Amino acid sequence: MEEIIKRIEKSIEEVRPFLQADGGDISLVEVTPDFIVRVKLLGACGSCPFSVQTLKLGVEDKLKKDVPEVKEVVSV
């Protein structure tokens, strides 16, 4: 599990500059035993009406591509 978390963190670091360019950010909260990734969208991303699309079409797609074990990414 530790190796998977490291790969998830690396993937999040790669997507972070795109979020920061729009005044937002992301932090990893936890990875559940069934590989649900819980993240917190911060700054402008936390209140943006498009945050669900950003999460699903941006972050989740990237994480699933980089870490196939990931089942879903959810915002908490």
Protein backbone atom coordinates (compact mmCIF):
# COMPACT_ATOMS: atom_id res chain seq x y z
CA MET A 1 0.00 0.00 0.00
CA GLU A 2 2.88 2.38 0.80
CA GLU A 3 4.22 2.09 -2.77
CA ILE A 4 0.78 2.85 -4.22
CA ILE A 5 0.43 5.93 -1.98
CA LYS A 6 3.82 7.18 -3.20
CA ARG A 7 2.68 6.76 -6.82
CA ILE A 8 -0.58 8.59 -6.06
CA GLU A 9 1.33 11.44 -4.41
CA LYS A 10 3.63 11.69 -7.44
CA SER A 11 0.64 11.86 -9.78
CA ILE A 12 -1.00 14.56 -7.64
CA GLU A 13 2.24 16.57 -7.75
CA GLU A 14 2.10 16.45 -11.56
CA VAL A 15 -1.47 17.79 -11.68
CA ARG A 16 -0.99 20.37 -8.92
CA PRO A 17 0.57 23.12 -11.14
CA PHE A 18 -2.57 23.16 -13.32
CA LEU A 19 -4.77 23.70 -10.28
CA GLN A 20 -2.42 26.32 -8.84
CA ALA A 21 -2.49 28.22 -12.14
CA ASP A 22 -6.20 28.82 -11.49
CA GLY A 23 -5.70 29.80 -7.85
CA GLY A 24 -6.42 26.38 -6.39
CA ASP A 25 -4.60 23.41 -4.94
CA ILE A 26 -5.19 19.83 -3.85
CA SER A 27 -4.15 17.75 -0.87
CA LEU A 28 -4.28 14.01 -0.36
CA VAL A 29 -6.42 13.13 2.65
CA GLU A 30 -6.33 9.32 2.54
CA VAL A 31 -6.34 6.22 0.41
CA THR A 32 -8.88 3.65 1.60
CA PRO A 33 -8.14 -0.10 1.64
CA ASP A 34 -10.32 -0.47 -1.47
CA PHE A 35 -8.27 2.22 -3.29
CA ILE A 36 -10.69 5.12 -3.08
CA VAL A 37 -8.54 8.28 -3.05
CA ARG A 38 -9.92 11.05 -0.85
CA VAL A 39 -8.64 14.52 -1.62
CA LYS A 40 -9.40 18.05 -0.53
CA LEU A 41 -9.64 20.76 -3.16
CA LEU A 42 -8.27 24.03 -1.80
CA GLY A 43 -8.36 27.72 -2.66
CA ALA A 44 -10.33 28.63 -5.77
CA CYS A 45 -10.88 24.93 -6.53
CA GLY A 46 -12.77 24.45 -3.28
CA SER A 47 -15.56 26.83 -4.28
CA CYS A 48 -15.45 26.61 -8.06
CA PRO A 49 -18.68 25.42 -9.74
CA PHE A 50 -16.54 23.28 -12.05
CA SER A 51 -14.67 21.52 -9.24
CA VAL A 52 -16.54 18.23 -9.77
CA GLN A 53 -15.51 18.24 -13.43
CA THR A 54 -11.95 19.14 -12.49
CA LEU A 55 -11.91 16.32 -9.99
CA LYS A 56 -13.39 13.64 -12.25
CA LEU A 57 -12.09 14.62 -15.69
CA GLY A 58 -8.73 15.96 -14.57
CA VAL A 59 -7.49 14.52 -11.31
CA GLU A 60 -9.29 11.15 -11.36
CA ASP A 61 -8.38 10.40 -14.99
CA LYS A 62 -4.72 11.25 -14.33
CA LEU A 63 -4.54 9.16 -11.17
CA LYS A 64 -6.25 6.16 -12.78
CA LYS A 65 -3.83 6.37 -15.72
CA ASP A 66 -0.77 6.63 -13.48
CA VAL A 67 -1.99 4.24 -10.76
CA PRO A 68 -4.39 1.64 -12.23
CA GLU A 69 -5.26 0.37 -8.75
CA VAL A 70 -7.20 3.59 -8.05
CA LYS A 71 -10.95 2.94 -8.23
CA GLU A 72 -12.25 6.47 -7.65
CA VAL A 73 -11.22 9.93 -6.50
CA VAL A 74 -13.61 11.78 -4.19
CA SER A 75 -13.52 15.20 -2.60
CA VAL A 76 -13.98 15.47 1.16
